[in-house]
Amino acid sequence: MLKNRRQSVNRPPTPDLTDDQAKVPTLQEVINIKLIESGEKEQLMELVREKLTECGWKDEMETICRAYIKKQGRKNVTLDELVRVITPKGRASIPDSIKAELLQRIRTFLVSAAL
């Protein structure tokens, strides 16, 4: 009797248990959602932009980009390539004081949001 049963073309297969588990947001995702919903993420981004400009990091990255483009030739460099080459240098050169301040602001937010 079961052999004659056909699956519905319109109904998707029943999801596995692992599919349901994948939908549970991670702690990092929950924190990111809370930061966005509260508007704190945009404030933190603006803080980082200001601090990086104040300390000269932005100008330093601009100089490195210009030097790379000059070395490779303007027509031989794509934006994707430039980002791939410069990103590790940029991340490594962010001052520890800015990282520490950002981390402290995130911790303060998490305490106030009771996460």
PDB file of N, CA and C in Angstrom:
ATOM      1  N   MET A   1       0.816  -1.190   0.000  1.00  0.00           N
ATOM      2  CA  MET A   1       0.000   0.000   0.000  1.00  0.00           C
ATOM      3  C   MET A   1       0.865   1.262   0.000  1.00  0.00           C
ATOM      4  N   LEU A   2       1.994   1.272   0.714  1.00  0.00           N
ATOM      5  CA  LEU A   2       2.873   2.430   0.749  1.00  0.00           C
ATOM      6  C   LEU A   2       3.601   2.649  -0.569  1.00  0.00           C
ATOM      7  N   LYS A   3       3.763   1.584  -1.336  1.00  0.00           N
ATOM      8  CA  LYS A   3       4.472   1.698  -2.595  1.00  0.00           C
ATOM      9  C   LYS A   3       3.707   2.561  -3.595  1.00  0.00           C
ATOM     10  N   ASN A   4       2.417   2.611  -3.477  1.00  0.00           N
ATOM     11  CA  ASN A   4       1.597   3.376  -4.403  1.00  0.00           C
ATOM     12  C   ASN A   4       1.541   4.859  -4.055  1.00  0.00           C
ATOM     13  N   ARG A   5       2.072   5.222  -2.918  1.00  0.00           N
ATOM     14  CA  ARG A   5       2.044   6.620  -2.480  1.00  0.00           C
ATOM     15  C   ARG A   5       3.017   7.467  -3.286  1.00  0.00           C
ATOM     16  N   ARG A   6       2.562   8.599  -3.762  1.00  0.00           N
ATOM     17  CA  ARG A   6       3.432   9.511  -4.507  1.00  0.00           C
ATOM     18  C   ARG A   6       3.685  10.752  -3.664  1.00  0.00           C
ATOM     19  N   GLN A   7       4.876  11.292  -3.831  1.00  0.00           N
ATOM     20  CA  GLN A   7       5.190  12.534  -3.115  1.00  0.00           C
ATOM     21  C   GLN A   7       4.556  13.701  -3.841  1.00  0.00           C
ATOM     22  N   SER A   8       4.134  14.676  -3.085  1.00  0.00           N
ATOM     23  CA  SER A   8       3.550  15.870  -3.665  1.00  0.00           C
ATOM     24  C   SER A   8       4.632  16.697  -4.339  1.00  0.00           C
ATOM     25  N   VAL A   9       4.339  17.126  -5.527  1.00  0.00           N
ATOM     26  CA  VAL A   9       5.282  17.956  -6.271  1.00  0.00           C
ATOM     27  C   VAL A   9       5.346  19.349  -5.657  1.00  0.00           C
ATOM     28  N   ASN A  10       4.263  19.802  -5.077  1.00  0.00           N
ATOM     29  CA  ASN A  10       4.178  21.167  -4.549  1.00  0.00           C
ATOM     30  C   ASN A  10       4.700  21.322  -3.128  1.00  0.00           C
ATOM     31  N   ARG A  11       4.889  20.205  -2.445  1.00  0.00           N
ATOM     32  CA  ARG A  11       5.312  20.285  -1.049  1.00  0.00           C
ATOM     33  C   ARG A  11       6.791  19.952  -0.935  1.00  0.00           C
ATOM     34  N   PRO A  12       7.569  20.849  -0.329  1.00  0.00           N
ATOM     35  CA  PRO A  12       8.999  20.546  -0.166  1.00  0.00           C
ATOM     36  C   PRO A  12       9.184  19.422   0.835  1.00  0.00           C
ATOM     37  N   PRO A  13      10.323  18.744   0.763  1.00  0.00           N
ATOM     38  CA  PRO A  13      10.576  17.662   1.711  1.00  0.00           C
ATOM     39  C   PRO A  13      10.656  18.196   3.135  1.00  0.00           C
ATOM     40  N   THR A  14      10.328  17.348   4.070  1.00  0.00           N
ATOM     41  CA  THR A  14      10.412  17.721   5.479  1.00  0.00           C
ATOM     42  C   THR A  14      11.875  17.989   5.828  1.00  0.00           C
ATOM     43  N   PRO A  15      12.155  19.149   6.439  1.00  0.00           N
ATOM     44  CA  PRO A  15      13.562  19.467   6.743  1.00  0.00           C
ATOM     45  C   PRO A  15      14.130  18.552   7.809  1.00  0.00           C
ATOM     46  N   ASP A  16      15.413  18.332   7.727  1.00  0.00           N
ATOM     47  CA  ASP A  16      16.116  17.543   8.729  1.00  0.00           C
ATOM     48  C   ASP A  16      16.245  18.350  10.006  1.00  0.00           C
ATOM     49  N   LEU A  17      16.562  17.669  11.080  1.00  0.00           N
ATOM     50  CA  LEU A  17      16.767  18.321  12.369  1.00  0.00           C
ATOM     51  C   LEU A  17      17.917  19.318  12.293  1.00  0.00           C
ATOM     52  N   THR A  18      18.929  19.001  11.501  1.00  0.00           N
ATOM     53  CA  THR A  18      20.086  19.902  11.389  1.00  0.00           C
ATOM     54  C   THR A  18      19.704  21.227  10.751  1.00  0.00           C
ATOM     55  N   ASP A  19      18.701  21.245   9.872  1.00  0.00           N
ATOM     56  CA  ASP A  19      18.247  22.499   9.275  1.00  0.00           C
ATOM     57  C   ASP A  19      17.672  23.423  10.338  1.00  0.00           C
ATOM     58  N   ASP A  20      16.909  22.852  11.292  1.00  0.00           N
ATOM     59  CA  ASP A  20      16.340  23.660  12.366  1.00  0.00           C
ATOM     60  C   ASP A  20      17.434  24.220  13.271  1.00  0.00           C
ATOM     61  N   GLN A  21      18.467  23.425  13.528  1.00  0.00           N
ATOM     62  CA  GLN A  21      19.554  23.874  14.387  1.00  0.00           C
ATOM     63  C   GLN A  21      20.329  25.013  13.733  1.00  0.00           C
ATOM     64  N   ALA A  22      20.433  24.990  12.424  1.00  0.00           N
ATOM     65  CA  ALA A  22      21.176  26.028  11.715  1.00  0.00           C
ATOM     66  C   ALA A  22      20.469  27.372  11.805  1.00  0.00           C
ATOM     67  N   LYS A  23      19.178  27.366  12.061  1.00  0.00           N
ATOM     68  CA  LYS A  23      18.414  28.608  12.130  1.00  0.00           C
ATOM     69  C   LYS A  23      18.528  29.309  13.483  1.00  0.00           C
ATOM     70  N   VAL A  24      19.061  28.643  14.468  1.00  0.00           N
ATOM     71  CA  VAL A  24      19.253  29.253  15.776  1.00  0.00           C
ATOM     72  C   VAL A  24      20.453  30.193  15.667  1.00  0.00           C
ATOM     73  N   PRO A  25      20.237  31.494  15.909  1.00  0.00           N
ATOM     74  CA  PRO A  25      21.349  32.432  15.746  1.00  0.00           C
ATOM     75  C   PRO A  25      22.447  32.217  16.783  1.00  0.00           C
ATOM     76  N   THR A  26      23.673  32.424  16.353  1.00  0.00           N
ATOM     77  CA  THR A  26      24.804  32.335  17.265  1.00  0.00           C
ATOM     78  C   THR A  26      24.827  33.560  18.165  1.00  0.00           C
ATOM     79  N   LEU A  27      25.626  33.506  19.207  1.00  0.00           N
ATOM     80  CA  LEU A  27      25.746  34.652  20.111  1.00  0.00           C
ATOM     81  C   LEU A  27      26.252  35.873  19.344  1.00  0.00           C
ATOM     82  N   GLN A  28      27.202  35.664  18.455  1.00  0.00           N
ATOM     83  CA  GLN A  28      27.727  36.761  17.655  1.00  0.00           C
ATOM     84  C   GLN A  28      26.624  37.394  16.800  1.00  0.00           C
ATOM     85  N   GLU A  29      25.773  36.561  16.221  1.00  0.00           N
ATOM     86  CA  GLU A  29      24.665  37.087  15.408  1.00  0.00           C
ATOM     87  C   GLU A  29      23.667  37.852  16.262  1.00  0.00           C
ATOM     88  N   VAL A  30      23.378  37.343  17.447  1.00  0.00           N
ATOM     89  CA  VAL A  30      22.448  38.019  18.355  1.00  0.00           C
ATOM     90  C   VAL A  30      23.006  39.386  18.749  1.00  0.00           C
ATOM     91  N   ILE A  31      24.286  39.430  19.087  1.00  0.00           N
ATOM     92  CA  ILE A  31      24.923  40.698  19.465  1.00  0.00           C
ATOM     93  C   ILE A  31      24.872  41.676  18.303  1.00  0.00           C
ATOM     94  N   ASN A  32      25.190  41.194  17.102  1.00  0.00           N
ATOM     95  CA  ASN A  32      25.166  42.059  15.928  1.00  0.00           C
ATOM     96  C   ASN A  32      23.764  42.621  15.690  1.00  0.00           C
ATOM     97  N   ILE A  33      22.741  41.785  15.836  1.00  0.00           N
ATOM     98  CA  ILE A  33      21.357  42.235  15.663  1.00  0.00           C
ATOM     99  C   ILE A  33      21.017  43.318  16.676  1.00  0.00           C
ATOM    100  N   LYS A  34      21.396  43.095  17.937  1.00  0.00           N
ATOM    101  CA  LYS A  34      21.111  44.084  18.990  1.00  0.00           C
ATOM    102  C   LYS A  34      21.841  45.401  18.726  1.00  0.00           C
ATOM    103  N   LEU A  35      23.099  45.305  18.272  1.00  0.00           N
ATOM    104  CA  LEU A  35      23.857  46.519  17.951  1.00  0.00           C
ATOM    105  C   LEU A  35      23.180  47.304  16.832  1.00  0.00           C
ATOM    106  N   ILE A  36      22.702  46.611  15.825  1.00  0.00           N
ATOM    107  CA  ILE A  36      22.043  47.276  14.700  1.00  0.00           C
ATOM    108  C   ILE A  36      20.710  47.882  15.131  1.00  0.00           C
ATOM    109  N   GLU A  37      19.897  47.094  15.822  1.00  0.00           N
ATOM    110  CA  GLU A  37      18.570  47.558  16.239  1.00  0.00           C
ATOM    111  C   GLU A  37      18.645  48.792  17.132  1.00  0.00           C
ATOM    112  N   SER A  38      19.661  48.858  17.970  1.00  0.00           N
ATOM    113  CA  SER A  38      19.772  49.971  18.909  1.00  0.00           C
ATOM    114  C   SER A  38      20.420  51.202  18.278  1.00  0.00           C
ATOM    115  N   GLY A  39      21.039  51.029  17.115  1.00  0.00           N
ATOM    116  CA  GLY A  39      21.753  52.139  16.482  1.00  0.00           C
ATOM    117  C   GLY A  39      23.181  52.270  16.989  1.00  0.00           C
ATOM    118  N   GLU A  40      23.562  51.408  17.914  1.00  0.00           N
ATOM    119  CA  GLU A  40      24.908  51.470  18.498  1.00  0.00           C
ATOM    120  C   GLU A  40      25.980  51.108  17.476  1.00  0.00           C
ATOM    121  N   LYS A  41      25.666  50.201  16.570  1.00  0.00           N
ATOM    122  CA  LYS A  41      26.665  49.784  15.578  1.00  0.00           C
ATOM    123  C   LYS A  41      27.096  50.976  14.726  1.00  0.00           C
ATOM    124  N   GLU A  42      26.150  51.773  14.287  1.00  0.00           N
ATOM    125  CA  GLU A  42      26.488  52.949  13.475  1.00  0.00           C
ATOM    126  C   GLU A  42      27.316  53.949  14.281  1.00  0.00           C
ATOM    127  N   GLN A  43      26.989  54.120  15.551  1.00  0.00           N
ATOM    128  CA  GLN A  43      27.768  55.020  16.417  1.00  0.00           C
ATOM    129  C   GLN A  43      29.192  54.506  16.586  1.00  0.00           C
ATOM    130  N   LEU A  44      29.347  53.203  16.762  1.00  0.00           N
ATOM    131  CA  LEU A  44      30.681  52.610  16.893  1.00  0.00           C
ATOM    132  C   LEU A  44      31.476  52.757  15.605  1.00  0.00           C
ATOM    133  N   MET A  45      30.808  52.562  14.480  1.00  0.00           N
ATOM    134  CA  MET A  45      31.481  52.720  13.188  1.00  0.00           C
ATOM    135  C   MET A  45      31.974  54.162  13.015  1.00  0.00           C
ATOM    136  N   GLU A  46      31.153  55.107  13.402  1.00  0.00           N
ATOM    137  CA  GLU A  46      31.537  56.520  13.288  1.00  0.00           C
ATOM    138  C   GLU A  46      32.709  56.831  14.226  1.00  0.00           C
ATOM    139  N   LEU A  47      32.678  56.288  15.431  1.00  0.00           N
ATOM    140  CA  LEU A  47      33.775  56.467  16.382  1.00  0.00           C
ATOM    141  C   LEU A  47      35.083  55.953  15.796  1.00  0.00           C
ATOM    142  N   VAL A  48      35.044  54.752  15.226  1.00  0.00           N
ATOM    143  CA  VAL A  48      36.247  54.153  14.645  1.00  0.00           C
ATOM    144  C   VAL A  48      36.753  55.004  13.483  1.00  0.00           C
ATOM    145  N   ARG A  49      35.842  55.459  12.630  1.00  0.00           N
ATOM    146  CA  ARG A  49      36.245  56.327  11.506  1.00  0.00           C
ATOM    147  C   ARG A  49      36.968  57.575  12.008  1.00  0.00           C
ATOM    148  N   GLU A  50      36.393  58.218  13.005  1.00  0.00           N
ATOM    149  CA  GLU A  50      36.992  59.442  13.563  1.00  0.00           C
ATOM    150  C   GLU A  50      38.372  59.164  14.154  1.00  0.00           C
ATOM    151  N   LYS A  51      38.459  58.100  14.957  1.00  0.00           N
ATOM    152  CA  LYS A  51      39.728  57.774  15.621  1.00  0.00           C
ATOM    153  C   LYS A  51      40.817  57.420  14.607  1.00  0.00           C
ATOM    154  N   LEU A  52      40.452  56.669  13.567  1.00  0.00           N
ATOM    155  CA  LEU A  52      41.437  56.290  12.551  1.00  0.00           C
ATOM    156  C   LEU A  52      41.911  57.506  11.758  1.00  0.00           C
ATOM    157  N   THR A  53      41.022  58.443  11.532  1.00  0.00           N
ATOM    158  CA  THR A  53      41.411  59.672  10.828  1.00  0.00           C
ATOM    159  C   THR A  53      42.314  60.514  11.717  1.00  0.00           C
ATOM    160  N   GLU A  54      41.944  60.643  12.998  1.00  0.00           N
ATOM    161  CA  GLU A  54      42.725  61.452  13.948  1.00  0.00           C
ATOM    162  C   GLU A  54      44.158  60.942  14.099  1.00  0.00           C
ATOM    163  N   CYS A  55      44.334  59.644  14.145  1.00  0.00           N
ATOM    164  CA  CYS A  55      45.671  59.088  14.393  1.00  0.00           C
ATOM    165  C   CYS A  55      46.513  58.975  13.121  1.00  0.00           C
ATOM    166  N   GLY A  56      45.944  59.307  11.971  1.00  0.00           N
ATOM    167  CA  GLY A  56      46.703  59.285  10.733  1.00  0.00           C
ATOM    168  C   GLY A  56      46.670  57.953  10.004  1.00  0.00           C
ATOM    169  N   TRP A  57      45.923  56.995  10.522  1.00  0.00           N
ATOM    170  CA  TRP A  57      45.842  55.683   9.902  1.00  0.00           C
ATOM    171  C   TRP A  57      45.260  55.770   8.495  1.00  0.00           C
ATOM    172  N   LYS A  58      44.221  56.567   8.349  1.00  0.00           N
ATOM    173  CA  LYS A  58      43.557  56.696   7.048  1.00  0.00           C
ATOM    174  C   LYS A  58      44.531  57.244   6.006  1.00  0.00           C
ATOM    175  N   ASP A  59      45.294  58.258   6.373  1.00  0.00           N
ATOM    176  CA  ASP A  59      46.274  58.838   5.449  1.00  0.00           C
ATOM    177  C   ASP A  59      47.370  57.827   5.102  1.00  0.00           C
ATOM    178  N   GLU A  60      47.768  57.046   6.102  1.00  0.00           N
ATOM    179  CA  GLU A  60      48.788  56.018   5.890  1.00  0.00           C
ATOM    180  C   GLU A  60      48.298  54.972   4.888  1.00  0.00           C
ATOM    181  N   MET A  61      47.044  54.549   5.032  1.00  0.00           N
ATOM    182  CA  MET A  61      46.466  53.559   4.114  1.00  0.00           C
ATOM    183  C   MET A  61      46.351  54.138   2.700  1.00  0.00           C
ATOM    184  N   GLU A  62      46.003  55.394   2.624  1.00  0.00           N
ATOM    185  CA  GLU A  62      45.903  56.051   1.319  1.00  0.00           C
ATOM    186  C   GLU A  62      47.264  56.083   0.635  1.00  0.00           C
ATOM    187  N   THR A  63      48.302  56.380   1.394  1.00  0.00           N
ATOM    188  CA  THR A  63      49.661  56.417   0.857  1.00  0.00           C
ATOM    189  C   THR A  63      50.094  55.034   0.375  1.00  0.00           C
ATOM    190  N   ILE A  64      49.791  53.999   1.155  1.00  0.00           N
ATOM    191  CA  ILE A  64      50.134  52.634   0.775  1.00  0.00           C
ATOM    192  C   ILE A  64      49.391  52.242  -0.508  1.00  0.00           C
ATOM    193  N   CYS A  65      48.134  52.601  -0.602  1.00  0.00           N
ATOM    194  CA  CYS A  65      47.351  52.294  -1.805  1.00  0.00           C
ATOM    195  C   CYS A  65      47.934  52.988  -3.031  1.00  0.00           C
ATOM    196  N   ARG A  66      48.246  54.258  -2.880  1.00  0.00           N
ATOM    197  CA  ARG A  66      48.821  55.001  -4.016  1.00  0.00           C
ATOM    198  C   ARG A  66      50.144  54.385  -4.462  1.00  0.00           C
ATOM    199  N   ALA A  67      50.983  53.999  -3.505  1.00  0.00           N
ATOM    200  CA  ALA A  67      52.277  53.403  -3.835  1.00  0.00           C
ATOM    201  C   ALA A  67      52.079  52.067  -4.560  1.00  0.00           C
ATOM    202  N   TYR A  68      51.140  51.266  -4.104  1.00  0.00           N
ATOM    203  CA  TYR A  68      50.879  49.977  -4.741  1.00  0.00           C
ATOM    204  C   TYR A  68      50.383  50.180  -6.179  1.00  0.00           C
ATOM    205  N   ILE A  69      49.471  51.120  -6.350  1.00  0.00           N
ATOM    206  CA  ILE A  69      48.932  51.395  -7.681  1.00  0.00           C
ATOM    207  C   ILE A  69      50.031  51.902  -8.610  1.00  0.00           C
ATOM    208  N   LYS A  70      50.886  52.766  -8.093  1.00  0.00           N
ATOM    209  CA  LYS A  70      51.984  53.295  -8.899  1.00  0.00           C
ATOM    210  C   LYS A  70      52.947  52.176  -9.303  1.00  0.00           C
ATOM    211  N   LYS A  71      53.224  51.284  -8.368  1.00  0.00           N
ATOM    212  CA  LYS A  71      54.154  50.174  -8.625  1.00  0.00           C
ATOM    213  C   LYS A  71      53.586  49.203  -9.670  1.00  0.00           C
ATOM    214  N   GLN A  72      52.314  48.874  -9.552  1.00  0.00           N
ATOM    215  CA  GLN A  72      51.691  47.898 -10.443  1.00  0.00           C
ATOM    216  C   GLN A  72      51.258  48.502 -11.786  1.00  0.00           C
ATOM    217  N   GLY A  73      51.050  49.787 -11.784  1.00  0.00           N
ATOM    218  CA  GLY A  73      50.512  50.442 -12.977  1.00  0.00           C
ATOM    219  C   GLY A  73      49.009  50.613 -12.812  1.00  0.00           C
ATOM    220  N   ARG A  74      48.547  51.801 -13.055  1.00  0.00           N
ATOM    221  CA  ARG A  74      47.146  52.148 -12.796  1.00  0.00           C
ATOM    222  C   ARG A  74      46.159  51.216 -13.500  1.00  0.00           C
ATOM    223  N   LYS A  75      46.467  50.845 -14.713  1.00  0.00           N
ATOM    224  CA  LYS A  75      45.546  50.002 -15.488  1.00  0.00           C
ATOM    225  C   LYS A  75      45.640  48.529 -15.116  1.00  0.00           C
ATOM    226  N   ASN A  76      46.639  48.166 -14.328  1.00  0.00           N
ATOM    227  CA  ASN A  76      46.853  46.769 -13.965  1.00  0.00           C
ATOM    228  C   ASN A  76      46.302  46.394 -12.593  1.00  0.00           C
ATOM    229  N   VAL A  77      45.637  47.323 -11.922  1.00  0.00           N
ATOM    230  CA  VAL A  77      45.149  47.073 -10.563  1.00  0.00           C
ATOM    231  C   VAL A  77      43.632  47.193 -10.537  1.00  0.00           C
ATOM    232  N   THR A  78      42.994  46.170  -9.971  1.00  0.00           N
ATOM    233  CA  THR A  78      41.548  46.231  -9.770  1.00  0.00           C
ATOM    234  C   THR A  78      41.276  46.587  -8.310  1.00  0.00           C
ATOM    235  N   LEU A  79      40.085  47.055  -8.049  1.00  0.00           N
ATOM    236  CA  LEU A  79      39.711  47.391  -6.685  1.00  0.00           C
ATOM    237  C   LEU A  79      39.763  46.149  -5.797  1.00  0.00           C
ATOM    238  N   ASP A  80      39.272  45.034  -6.299  1.00  0.00           N
ATOM    239  CA  ASP A  80      39.293  43.789  -5.516  1.00  0.00           C
ATOM    240  C   ASP A  80      40.716  43.393  -5.141  1.00  0.00           C
ATOM    241  N   GLU A  81      41.632  43.513  -6.083  1.00  0.00           N
ATOM    242  CA  GLU A  81      43.030  43.176  -5.821  1.00  0.00           C
ATOM    243  C   GLU A  81      43.622  44.114  -4.773  1.00  0.00           C
ATOM    244  N   LEU A  82      43.335  45.395  -4.913  1.00  0.00           N
ATOM    245  CA  LEU A  82      43.849  46.387  -3.970  1.00  0.00           C
ATOM    246  C   LEU A  82      43.344  46.096  -2.559  1.00  0.00           C
ATOM    247  N   VAL A  83      42.065  45.798  -2.440  1.00  0.00           N
ATOM    248  CA  VAL A  83      41.488  45.478  -1.130  1.00  0.00           C
ATOM    249  C   VAL A  83      42.137  44.226  -0.555  1.00  0.00           C
ATOM    250  N   ARG A  84      42.327  43.199  -1.396  1.00  0.00           N
ATOM    251  CA  ARG A  84      42.922  41.937  -0.936  1.00  0.00           C
ATOM    252  C   ARG A  84      44.352  42.148  -0.430  1.00  0.00           C
ATOM    253  N   VAL A  85      45.108  42.992  -1.099  1.00  0.00           N
ATOM    254  CA  VAL A  85      46.508  43.221  -0.738  1.00  0.00           C
ATOM    255  C   VAL A  85      46.623  44.132   0.491  1.00  0.00           C
ATOM    256  N   ILE A  86      45.796  45.162   0.558  1.00  0.00           N
ATOM    257  CA  ILE A  86      45.925  46.191   1.595  1.00  0.00           C
ATOM    258  C   ILE A  86      45.244  45.806   2.911  1.00  0.00           C
ATOM    259  N   THR A  87      44.173  45.026   2.855  1.00  0.00           N
ATOM    260  CA  THR A  87      43.407  44.710   4.066  1.00  0.00           C
ATOM    261  C   THR A  87      44.254  44.131   5.201  1.00  0.00           C
ATOM    262  N   PRO A  88      45.100  43.133   4.965  1.00  0.00           N
ATOM    263  CA  PRO A  88      45.904  42.613   6.092  1.00  0.00           C
ATOM    264  C   PRO A  88      46.808  43.685   6.712  1.00  0.00           C
ATOM    265  N   LYS A  89      47.401  44.522   5.880  1.00  0.00           N
ATOM    266  CA  LYS A  89      48.264  45.594   6.396  1.00  0.00           C
ATOM    267  C   LYS A  89      47.439  46.587   7.206  1.00  0.00           C
ATOM    268  N   GLY A  90      46.274  46.919   6.694  1.00  0.00           N
ATOM    269  CA  GLY A  90      45.403  47.871   7.390  1.00  0.00           C
ATOM    270  C   GLY A  90      44.953  47.368   8.740  1.00  0.00           C
ATOM    271  N   ARG A  91      44.513  46.118   8.782  1.00  0.00           N
ATOM    272  CA  ARG A  91      44.051  45.546  10.054  1.00  0.00           C
ATOM    273  C   ARG A  91      45.185  45.452  11.062  1.00  0.00           C
ATOM    274  N   ALA A  92      46.356  45.090  10.595  1.00  0.00           N
ATOM    275  CA  ALA A  92      47.500  44.935  11.496  1.00  0.00           C
ATOM    276  C   ALA A  92      47.981  46.269  12.040  1.00  0.00           C
ATOM    277  N   SER A  93      47.729  47.353  11.318  1.00  0.00           N
ATOM    278  CA  SER A  93      48.266  48.649  11.734  1.00  0.00           C
ATOM    279  C   SER A  93      47.277  49.507  12.525  1.00  0.00           C
ATOM    280  N   ILE A  94      46.102  48.975  12.821  1.00  0.00           N
ATOM    281  CA  ILE A  94      45.156  49.727  13.653  1.00  0.00           C
ATOM    282  C   ILE A  94      45.726  49.803  15.067  1.00  0.00           C
ATOM    283  N   PRO A  95      45.817  51.005  15.612  1.00  0.00           N
ATOM    284  CA  PRO A  95      46.400  51.147  16.957  1.00  0.00           C
ATOM    285  C   PRO A  95      45.631  50.359  18.017  1.00  0.00           C
ATOM    286  N   ASP A  96      46.381  49.763  18.936  1.00  0.00           N
ATOM    287  CA  ASP A  96      45.778  48.978  20.011  1.00  0.00           C
ATOM    288  C   ASP A  96      44.832  49.814  20.867  1.00  0.00           C
ATOM    289  N   SER A  97      45.128  51.090  21.022  1.00  0.00           N
ATOM    290  CA  SER A  97      44.264  51.944  21.836  1.00  0.00           C
ATOM    291  C   SER A  97      42.859  52.054  21.235  1.00  0.00           C
ATOM    292  N   ILE A  98      42.768  52.086  19.917  1.00  0.00           N
ATOM    293  CA  ILE A  98      41.463  52.159  19.255  1.00  0.00           C
ATOM    294  C   ILE A  98      40.727  50.831  19.415  1.00  0.00           C
ATOM    295  N   LYS A  99      41.446  49.730  19.258  1.00  0.00           N
ATOM    296  CA  LYS A  99      40.840  48.414  19.455  1.00  0.00           C
ATOM    297  C   LYS A  99      40.310  48.275  20.878  1.00  0.00           C
ATOM    298  N   ALA A 100      41.094  48.716  21.838  1.00  0.00           N
ATOM    299  CA  ALA A 100      40.707  48.604  23.252  1.00  0.00           C
ATOM    300  C   ALA A 100      39.475  49.467  23.546  1.00  0.00           C
ATOM    301  N   GLU A 101      39.460  50.673  23.000  1.00  0.00           N
ATOM    302  CA  GLU A 101      38.318  51.559  23.234  1.00  0.00           C
ATOM    303  C   GLU A 101      37.044  50.962  22.617  1.00  0.00           C
ATOM    304  N   LEU A 102      37.159  50.423  21.424  1.00  0.00           N
ATOM    305  CA  LEU A 102      36.015  49.815  20.762  1.00  0.00           C
ATOM    306  C   LEU A 102      35.511  48.608  21.563  1.00  0.00           C
ATOM    307  N   LEU A 103      36.418  47.779  22.007  1.00  0.00           N
ATOM    308  CA  LEU A 103      36.047  46.619  22.805  1.00  0.00           C
ATOM    309  C   LEU A 103      35.351  47.034  24.096  1.00  0.00           C
ATOM    310  N   GLN A 104      35.854  48.068  24.730  1.00  0.00           N
ATOM    311  CA  GLN A 104      35.233  48.552  25.969  1.00  0.00           C
ATOM    312  C   GLN A 104      33.823  49.073  25.714  1.00  0.00           C
ATOM    313  N   ARG A 105      33.646  49.796  24.619  1.00  0.00           N
ATOM    314  CA  ARG A 105      32.308  50.304  24.271  1.00  0.00           C
ATOM    315  C   ARG A 105      31.340  49.149  23.997  1.00  0.00           C
ATOM    316  N   ILE A 106      31.812  48.100  23.348  1.00  0.00           N
ATOM    317  CA  ILE A 106      30.959  46.939  23.073  1.00  0.00           C
ATOM    318  C   ILE A 106      30.600  46.242  24.384  1.00  0.00           C
ATOM    319  N   ARG A 107      31.583  46.090  25.265  1.00  0.00           N
ATOM    320  CA  ARG A 107      31.301  45.462  26.572  1.00  0.00           C
ATOM    321  C   ARG A 107      30.268  46.267  27.360  1.00  0.00           C
ATOM    322  N   THR A 108      30.423  47.569  27.368  1.00  0.00           N
ATOM    323  CA  THR A 108      29.477  48.440  28.067  1.00  0.00           C
ATOM    324  C   THR A 108      28.080  48.278  27.484  1.00  0.00           C
ATOM    325  N   PHE A 109      27.997  48.220  26.172  1.00  0.00           N
ATOM    326  CA  PHE A 109      26.703  48.012  25.504  1.00  0.00           C
ATOM    327  C   PHE A 109      26.094  46.686  25.929  1.00  0.00           C
ATOM    328  N   LEU A 110      26.900  45.634  25.933  1.00  0.00           N
ATOM    329  CA  LEU A 110      26.379  44.312  26.283  1.00  0.00           C
ATOM    330  C   LEU A 110      25.863  44.275  27.725  1.00  0.00           C
ATOM    331  N   VAL A 111      26.554  44.939  28.627  1.00  0.00           N
ATOM    332  CA  VAL A 111      26.114  44.987  30.020  1.00  0.00           C
ATOM    333  C   VAL A 111      24.797  45.747  30.107  1.00  0.00           C
ATOM    334  N   SER A 112      24.699  46.875  29.418  1.00  0.00           N
ATOM    335  CA  SER A 112      23.470  47.672  29.481  1.00  0.00           C
ATOM    336  C   SER A 112      22.314  46.988  28.774  1.00  0.00           C
ATOM    337  N   ALA A 113      22.601  46.166  27.769  1.00  0.00           N
ATOM    338  CA  ALA A 113      21.558  45.439  27.054  1.00  0.00           C
ATOM    339  C   ALA A 113      21.230  44.117  27.753  1.00  0.00           C
ATOM    340  N   ALA A 114      21.970  43.785  28.789  1.00  0.00           N
ATOM    341  CA  ALA A 114      21.782  42.566  29.584  1.00  0.00           C
ATOM    342  C   ALA A 114      21.839  41.316  28.715  1.00  0.00           C
ATOM    343  N   LEU A 115      22.886  41.258  27.869  1.00  0.00           N
ATOM    344  CA  LEU A 115      23.073  40.055  27.033  1.00  0.00           C
ATOM    345  C   LEU A 115      24.029  39.097  27.697  1.00  0.00           C
TER     346      LEU A 115
END
